[in-house]
N, C-alpha and C. Protein backbone atom coordinates (compact mmCIF):
# COMPACT_ATOMS: atom_id res chain seq x y z
N MET A 1 133.39 145.65 126.56
CA MET A 1 133.53 145.27 125.16
C MET A 1 134.90 144.64 124.96
N SER A 2 134.98 143.52 124.32
CA SER A 2 136.25 142.84 124.10
C SER A 2 136.80 143.17 122.72
N ARG A 3 138.10 143.11 122.63
CA ARG A 3 138.77 143.34 121.35
C ARG A 3 138.93 142.01 120.63
N PRO A 4 138.89 142.03 119.31
CA PRO A 4 139.15 140.80 118.59
C PRO A 4 140.58 140.35 118.84
N GLY A 5 140.78 139.09 119.05
CA GLY A 5 142.13 138.57 119.21
C GLY A 5 142.51 138.25 120.63
N SER A 6 141.99 138.96 121.61
CA SER A 6 142.33 138.63 122.99
C SER A 6 141.31 139.23 123.93
N THR A 7 141.00 138.48 124.95
CA THR A 7 140.05 138.95 125.95
C THR A 7 140.46 138.44 127.32
N GLY A 8 139.87 138.99 128.35
CA GLY A 8 139.99 138.43 129.69
C GLY A 8 141.36 138.53 130.31
N THR A 9 141.88 139.70 130.53
CA THR A 9 143.20 139.81 131.14
C THR A 9 143.10 139.65 132.64
N ALA A 10 144.15 139.12 133.23
CA ALA A 10 144.23 139.00 134.68
C ALA A 10 145.70 139.12 135.06
N ASP A 11 146.07 140.22 135.62
CA ASP A 11 147.44 140.48 136.03
C ASP A 11 147.59 140.00 137.47
N SER A 12 148.52 139.07 137.71
CA SER A 12 148.64 138.51 139.04
C SER A 12 150.03 137.92 139.26
N ARG A 13 150.12 137.05 140.25
CA ARG A 13 151.36 136.35 140.55
C ARG A 13 151.13 134.85 140.44
N CYS A 14 152.17 134.12 140.08
CA CYS A 14 152.10 132.67 140.00
C CYS A 14 151.87 132.13 141.41
N PRO A 15 150.90 131.24 141.59
CA PRO A 15 150.65 130.72 142.94
C PRO A 15 151.80 129.86 143.48
N ARG A 16 152.63 129.30 142.60
CA ARG A 16 153.72 128.44 143.06
C ARG A 16 154.99 129.22 143.34
N CYS A 17 155.44 130.04 142.37
CA CYS A 17 156.74 130.71 142.54
C CYS A 17 156.62 132.21 142.81
N ARG A 18 155.40 132.75 142.75
CA ARG A 18 155.11 134.15 143.05
C ARG A 18 155.68 135.14 142.02
N ALA A 19 156.09 134.66 140.85
CA ALA A 19 156.57 135.55 139.79
C ALA A 19 155.39 136.33 139.22
N PRO A 20 155.60 137.60 138.81
CA PRO A 20 154.52 138.35 138.19
C PRO A 20 154.17 137.75 136.82
N ILE A 21 152.89 137.50 136.61
CA ILE A 21 152.43 136.88 135.36
C ILE A 21 151.21 137.62 134.83
N LEU A 22 150.92 137.36 133.57
CA LEU A 22 149.71 137.85 132.93
C LEU A 22 148.99 136.64 132.36
N ARG A 23 147.77 136.39 132.79
CA ARG A 23 146.97 135.27 132.27
C ARG A 23 145.89 135.87 131.40
N GLN A 24 145.81 135.38 130.15
CA GLN A 24 144.91 136.01 129.19
C GLN A 24 144.43 135.00 128.16
N LEU A 25 143.19 135.16 127.74
CA LEU A 25 142.66 134.38 126.62
C LEU A 25 143.07 135.09 125.34
N VAL A 26 143.68 134.34 124.42
CA VAL A 26 144.21 134.93 123.20
C VAL A 26 143.70 134.14 122.00
N GLY A 27 143.54 134.83 120.91
CA GLY A 27 143.12 134.18 119.67
C GLY A 27 141.85 134.80 119.13
N ARG A 28 141.55 134.53 117.92
CA ARG A 28 140.38 135.12 117.26
C ARG A 28 139.10 134.85 118.04
N TYR A 29 138.99 133.65 118.60
CA TYR A 29 137.81 133.31 119.37
C TYR A 29 138.18 133.05 120.83
N ALA A 30 139.28 133.66 121.29
CA ALA A 30 139.77 133.50 122.66
C ALA A 30 139.87 132.02 123.01
N ALA A 31 140.53 131.28 122.14
CA ALA A 31 140.58 129.83 122.27
C ALA A 31 141.80 129.33 123.03
N LEU A 32 142.78 130.18 123.28
CA LEU A 32 144.03 129.76 123.90
C LEU A 32 144.25 130.56 125.18
N THR A 33 144.45 129.87 126.29
CA THR A 33 144.77 130.55 127.54
C THR A 33 146.28 130.61 127.66
N VAL A 34 146.81 131.82 127.78
CA VAL A 34 148.25 132.02 127.88
C VAL A 34 148.58 132.57 129.26
N THR A 35 149.60 132.00 129.88
CA THR A 35 150.15 132.53 131.12
C THR A 35 151.56 132.95 130.79
N ALA A 36 151.80 134.26 130.80
CA ALA A 36 153.09 134.80 130.36
C ALA A 36 153.79 135.52 131.50
N ASP A 37 155.12 135.43 131.49
CA ASP A 37 155.93 136.22 132.41
C ASP A 37 155.81 137.68 132.02
N LEU A 38 155.92 138.57 132.98
CA LEU A 38 155.86 140.00 132.67
C LEU A 38 157.24 140.62 132.48
N ARG A 39 158.30 139.86 132.70
CA ARG A 39 159.64 140.39 132.50
C ARG A 39 159.98 140.37 131.01
N PRO A 40 160.25 141.55 130.43
CA PRO A 40 160.60 141.61 129.01
C PRO A 40 161.90 140.88 128.73
N LEU A 41 161.97 140.28 127.55
CA LEU A 41 163.16 139.53 127.13
C LEU A 41 163.95 140.31 126.10
N THR A 42 165.26 140.22 126.16
CA THR A 42 166.12 140.77 125.12
C THR A 42 166.04 139.83 123.92
N PRO A 43 166.47 140.26 122.73
CA PRO A 43 166.48 139.35 121.58
C PRO A 43 167.29 138.08 121.84
N ALA A 44 168.42 138.19 122.54
CA ALA A 44 169.22 137.00 122.85
C ALA A 44 168.47 136.06 123.79
N GLU A 45 167.77 136.60 124.78
CA GLU A 45 166.98 135.76 125.69
C GLU A 45 165.82 135.09 124.95
N GLN A 46 165.22 135.80 123.99
CA GLN A 46 164.15 135.22 123.20
C GLN A 46 164.65 134.00 122.43
N ALA A 47 165.82 134.13 121.83
CA ALA A 47 166.40 133.01 121.07
C ALA A 47 166.73 131.84 121.99
N ALA A 48 167.18 132.13 123.22
CA ALA A 48 167.56 131.08 124.15
C ALA A 48 166.37 130.29 124.68
N VAL A 49 165.23 130.94 124.89
CA VAL A 49 164.07 130.25 125.47
C VAL A 49 163.11 129.69 124.43
N ARG A 50 163.29 130.06 123.17
CA ARG A 50 162.37 129.61 122.12
C ARG A 50 162.51 128.10 121.91
N GLU A 51 161.37 127.43 121.97
CA GLU A 51 161.27 125.99 121.74
C GLU A 51 160.05 125.77 120.86
N PRO A 52 159.87 124.56 120.31
CA PRO A 52 158.68 124.34 119.47
C PRO A 52 157.36 124.61 120.20
N ASN A 53 157.28 124.34 121.48
CA ASN A 53 156.02 124.53 122.21
C ASN A 53 156.08 125.67 123.22
N ARG A 54 156.97 126.61 123.01
CA ARG A 54 157.08 127.77 123.89
C ARG A 54 157.15 129.01 123.02
N LEU A 55 156.06 129.76 122.99
CA LEU A 55 155.96 130.91 122.11
C LEU A 55 156.44 132.19 122.77
N ILE A 56 156.82 133.13 121.94
CA ILE A 56 157.17 134.48 122.37
C ILE A 56 155.97 135.36 122.06
N TRP A 57 155.60 136.23 122.99
CA TRP A 57 154.43 137.09 122.84
C TRP A 57 154.83 138.55 122.88
N CYS A 58 154.15 139.34 122.09
CA CYS A 58 154.33 140.80 122.07
C CYS A 58 153.35 141.37 123.10
N LEU A 59 153.84 142.18 124.01
CA LEU A 59 153.01 142.75 125.08
C LEU A 59 152.72 144.20 124.72
N ARG A 60 151.53 144.43 124.19
CA ARG A 60 151.12 145.76 123.72
C ARG A 60 150.24 146.42 124.77
N GLN A 61 150.45 147.72 124.94
CA GLN A 61 149.57 148.49 125.81
C GLN A 61 149.30 149.81 125.11
N ALA A 62 148.05 150.01 124.73
CA ALA A 62 147.67 151.20 123.95
C ALA A 62 147.88 152.48 124.75
N SER A 63 147.55 152.45 126.03
CA SER A 63 147.77 153.62 126.90
C SER A 63 147.90 153.13 128.32
N GLU A 64 148.24 154.03 129.22
CA GLU A 64 148.39 153.64 130.63
C GLU A 64 147.04 153.30 131.26
N HIS A 65 145.95 153.61 130.58
CA HIS A 65 144.61 153.37 131.10
C HIS A 65 143.97 152.09 130.56
N THR A 66 144.69 151.36 129.71
CA THR A 66 144.16 150.12 129.16
C THR A 66 145.03 148.96 129.61
N PRO A 67 144.44 147.78 129.75
CA PRO A 67 145.25 146.63 130.16
C PRO A 67 146.16 146.18 129.02
N PRO A 68 147.29 145.56 129.35
CA PRO A 68 148.17 145.04 128.30
C PRO A 68 147.51 143.89 127.56
N ARG A 69 147.86 143.73 126.29
CA ARG A 69 147.31 142.67 125.44
C ARG A 69 148.45 141.87 124.84
N LEU A 70 148.31 140.55 124.88
CA LEU A 70 149.31 139.67 124.28
C LEU A 70 148.98 139.45 122.82
N GLY A 71 150.00 139.49 121.99
CA GLY A 71 149.87 139.18 120.57
C GLY A 71 151.00 138.25 120.17
N TRP A 72 150.72 137.29 119.33
CA TRP A 72 151.72 136.31 118.92
C TRP A 72 152.77 136.96 118.03
N THR A 73 154.01 136.57 118.19
CA THR A 73 155.09 137.10 117.35
C THR A 73 155.42 136.09 116.25
N GLY A 74 154.47 135.86 115.40
CA GLY A 74 154.65 134.92 114.29
C GLY A 74 155.45 135.52 113.15
N ARG A 75 155.41 134.88 112.02
CA ARG A 75 156.24 135.30 110.88
C ARG A 75 155.90 136.68 110.34
N ASP A 76 154.66 137.16 110.57
CA ASP A 76 154.27 138.48 110.09
C ASP A 76 154.55 139.60 111.10
N HIS A 77 155.12 139.25 112.24
CA HIS A 77 155.40 140.25 113.27
C HIS A 77 156.59 141.11 112.83
N PRO A 78 156.49 142.44 112.95
CA PRO A 78 157.60 143.30 112.50
C PRO A 78 158.88 143.09 113.30
N ALA A 79 159.99 143.04 112.59
CA ALA A 79 161.29 142.83 113.25
C ALA A 79 161.65 143.98 114.18
N ALA A 80 161.23 145.19 113.84
CA ALA A 80 161.55 146.37 114.65
C ALA A 80 160.39 146.75 115.57
N CYS A 81 159.70 145.78 116.11
CA CYS A 81 158.56 146.04 116.99
C CYS A 81 159.02 146.78 118.24
N PRO A 82 158.37 147.89 118.61
CA PRO A 82 158.79 148.68 119.77
C PRO A 82 158.28 148.15 121.12
N HIS A 83 157.40 147.15 121.08
CA HIS A 83 156.79 146.65 122.32
C HIS A 83 157.68 145.60 122.98
N PRO A 84 157.55 145.43 124.31
CA PRO A 84 158.31 144.37 124.98
C PRO A 84 157.80 143.00 124.55
N HIS A 85 158.70 142.02 124.57
CA HIS A 85 158.34 140.65 124.24
C HIS A 85 158.55 139.78 125.48
N VAL A 86 157.59 138.89 125.72
CA VAL A 86 157.61 138.01 126.88
C VAL A 86 157.37 136.58 126.42
N THR A 87 157.55 135.63 127.32
CA THR A 87 157.32 134.23 126.96
C THR A 87 156.39 133.56 127.95
N GLU A 88 155.97 132.37 127.60
CA GLU A 88 155.12 131.56 128.47
C GLU A 88 155.81 131.36 129.81
N HIS A 89 155.05 131.45 130.88
CA HIS A 89 155.62 131.30 132.22
C HIS A 89 155.92 129.84 132.51
N ARG A 90 157.09 129.61 133.05
CA ARG A 90 157.47 128.31 133.59
C ARG A 90 158.15 128.57 134.92
N CYS A 91 157.67 127.91 135.94
CA CYS A 91 158.27 128.09 137.26
C CYS A 91 159.70 127.54 137.25
N PRO A 92 160.60 128.19 138.01
CA PRO A 92 161.95 127.65 138.10
C PRO A 92 161.91 126.28 138.80
N PRO A 93 162.92 125.44 138.57
CA PRO A 93 162.92 124.13 139.22
C PRO A 93 162.88 124.29 140.74
N ALA A 94 162.14 123.42 141.37
CA ALA A 94 162.03 123.46 142.83
C ALA A 94 163.35 123.05 143.47
N GLU A 95 163.67 123.69 144.56
CA GLU A 95 164.87 123.32 145.29
C GLU A 95 164.62 122.01 146.03
N LEU A 96 165.63 121.16 146.05
CA LEU A 96 165.51 119.90 146.77
C LEU A 96 165.62 120.17 148.27
N THR A 97 164.80 119.51 149.01
CA THR A 97 164.86 119.65 150.47
C THR A 97 165.01 118.27 151.09
N THR A 98 165.62 118.23 152.23
CA THR A 98 165.80 116.97 152.94
C THR A 98 164.55 116.69 153.75
N LEU A 99 164.06 115.47 153.68
CA LEU A 99 162.87 115.11 154.40
C LEU A 99 163.15 114.61 155.82
N PHE A 100 164.40 114.44 156.17
CA PHE A 100 164.73 113.91 157.51
C PHE A 100 165.21 114.99 158.42
């Protein structure tokens, strides 16, 4: 049975950089696929990474027996939220290598 707002969790690693990620369908009709880092951000880190097209997500887990669920931290999100906050995953820039 799926919960309204998010379905289809998959806890894994990024195939490119191997960072731990959470890939999940989010939204009322599971219309948005989100790939989020699992490392929680401090409020200062949240402010530093926030961009118009990079959202911050609230990572809620009802109990140790349920999978984590992503929720958007929009204007109605409580300022004193006790849950960790994460952001959309972006691989670090690739290191340059010499081809010769």
